Amino acid sequence: MKITKVETIVFNMPMVIEGSVVPKPGGTPRTSVNTLLVRIDTDEGVSG
């Protein structure tokens, strides 16, 4: 089995914040969450 393709997908998902409390990790208000997905395809048809 050999890797034939690597794909990265970046998501920026806005946070729905109810009320007046905003999360502040490191002192900076956070209004969204960043996520990186990596998809790998193989020559045998396996993807994940």
C-alpha atoms as a PDB file:
ATOM      1  CA  MET A   1       0.000   0.000   0.000  1.00  0.00           C
ATOM      2  CA  LYS A   2       1.391   3.376  -1.056  1.00  0.00           C
ATOM      3  CA  ILE A   3       0.158   6.910  -0.418  1.00  0.00           C
ATOM      4  CA  THR A   4      -1.055   8.502  -3.654  1.00  0.00           C
ATOM      5  CA  LYS A   5      -2.514  11.781  -2.389  1.00  0.00           C
ATOM      6  CA  VAL A   6      -2.460  13.977   0.721  1.00  0.00           C
ATOM      7  CA  GLU A   7      -5.043  16.736   1.040  1.00  0.00           C
ATOM      8  CA  THR A   8      -5.367  19.326   3.821  1.00  0.00           C
ATOM      9  CA  ILE A   9      -8.648  21.058   4.602  1.00  0.00           C
ATOM     10  CA  VAL A  10      -8.817  24.075   6.929  1.00  0.00           C
ATOM     11  CA  PHE A  11     -12.110  24.909   8.660  1.00  0.00           C
ATOM     12  CA  ASN A  12     -12.857  28.113  10.537  1.00  0.00           C
ATOM     13  CA  MET A  13     -16.100  27.551  12.427  1.00  0.00           C
ATOM     14  CA  PRO A  14     -17.748  30.521  14.152  1.00  0.00           C
ATOM     15  CA  MET A  15     -18.747  29.934  17.771  1.00  0.00           C
ATOM     16  CA  VAL A  16     -22.320  30.664  18.812  1.00  0.00           C
ATOM     17  CA  ILE A  17     -21.952  32.470  22.130  1.00  0.00           C
ATOM     18  CA  GLU A  18     -25.028  33.092  24.228  1.00  0.00           C
ATOM     19  CA  GLY A  19     -24.811  35.647  26.991  1.00  0.00           C
ATOM     20  CA  SER A  20     -22.041  38.071  27.817  1.00  0.00           C
ATOM     21  CA  VAL A  21     -19.276  35.560  28.655  1.00  0.00           C
ATOM     22  CA  VAL A  22     -16.726  35.184  25.822  1.00  0.00           C
ATOM     23  CA  PRO A  23     -13.953  32.557  26.180  1.00  0.00           C
ATOM     24  CA  LYS A  24     -10.553  34.282  26.457  1.00  0.00           C
ATOM     25  CA  PRO A  25      -7.720  31.749  26.218  1.00  0.00           C
ATOM     26  CA  GLY A  26      -4.464  33.659  26.592  1.00  0.00           C
ATOM     27  CA  GLY A  27      -6.412  36.881  27.145  1.00  0.00           C
ATOM     28  CA  THR A  28      -7.669  37.080  23.546  1.00  0.00           C
ATOM     29  CA  PRO A  29     -11.423  36.759  22.914  1.00  0.00           C
ATOM     30  CA  ARG A  30     -12.220  33.615  20.935  1.00  0.00           C
ATOM     31  CA  THR A  31     -15.137  33.819  18.519  1.00  0.00           C
ATOM     32  CA  SER A  32     -14.246  30.896  16.239  1.00  0.00           C
ATOM     33  CA  VAL A  33     -12.526  27.512  16.245  1.00  0.00           C
ATOM     34  CA  ASN A  34      -9.867  26.569  13.668  1.00  0.00           C
ATOM     35  CA  THR A  35      -9.558  22.921  12.645  1.00  0.00           C
ATOM     36  CA  LEU A  36      -7.182  21.195  10.223  1.00  0.00           C
ATOM     37  CA  LEU A  37      -8.253  17.919   8.589  1.00  0.00           C
ATOM     38  CA  VAL A  38      -5.823  15.734   6.646  1.00  0.00           C
ATOM     39  CA  ARG A  39      -7.106  13.213   4.094  1.00  0.00           C
ATOM     40  CA  ILE A  40      -4.769  10.516   2.798  1.00  0.00           C
ATOM     41  CA  ASP A  41      -5.555   8.308  -0.229  1.00  0.00           C
ATOM     42  CA  THR A  42      -3.754   5.084  -1.129  1.00  0.00           C
ATOM     43  CA  ASP A  43      -3.228   3.076  -4.293  1.00  0.00           C
ATOM     44  CA  GLU A  44      -5.496   0.347  -2.837  1.00  0.00           C
ATOM     45  CA  GLY A  45      -8.480   2.703  -2.586  1.00  0.00           C
ATOM     46  CA  VAL A  46      -8.273   3.271   1.167  1.00  0.00           C
ATOM     47  CA  SER A  47      -8.947   6.868   2.269  1.00  0.00           C
ATOM     48  CA  GLY A  48      -9.003   8.413   5.683  1.00  0.00           C
END
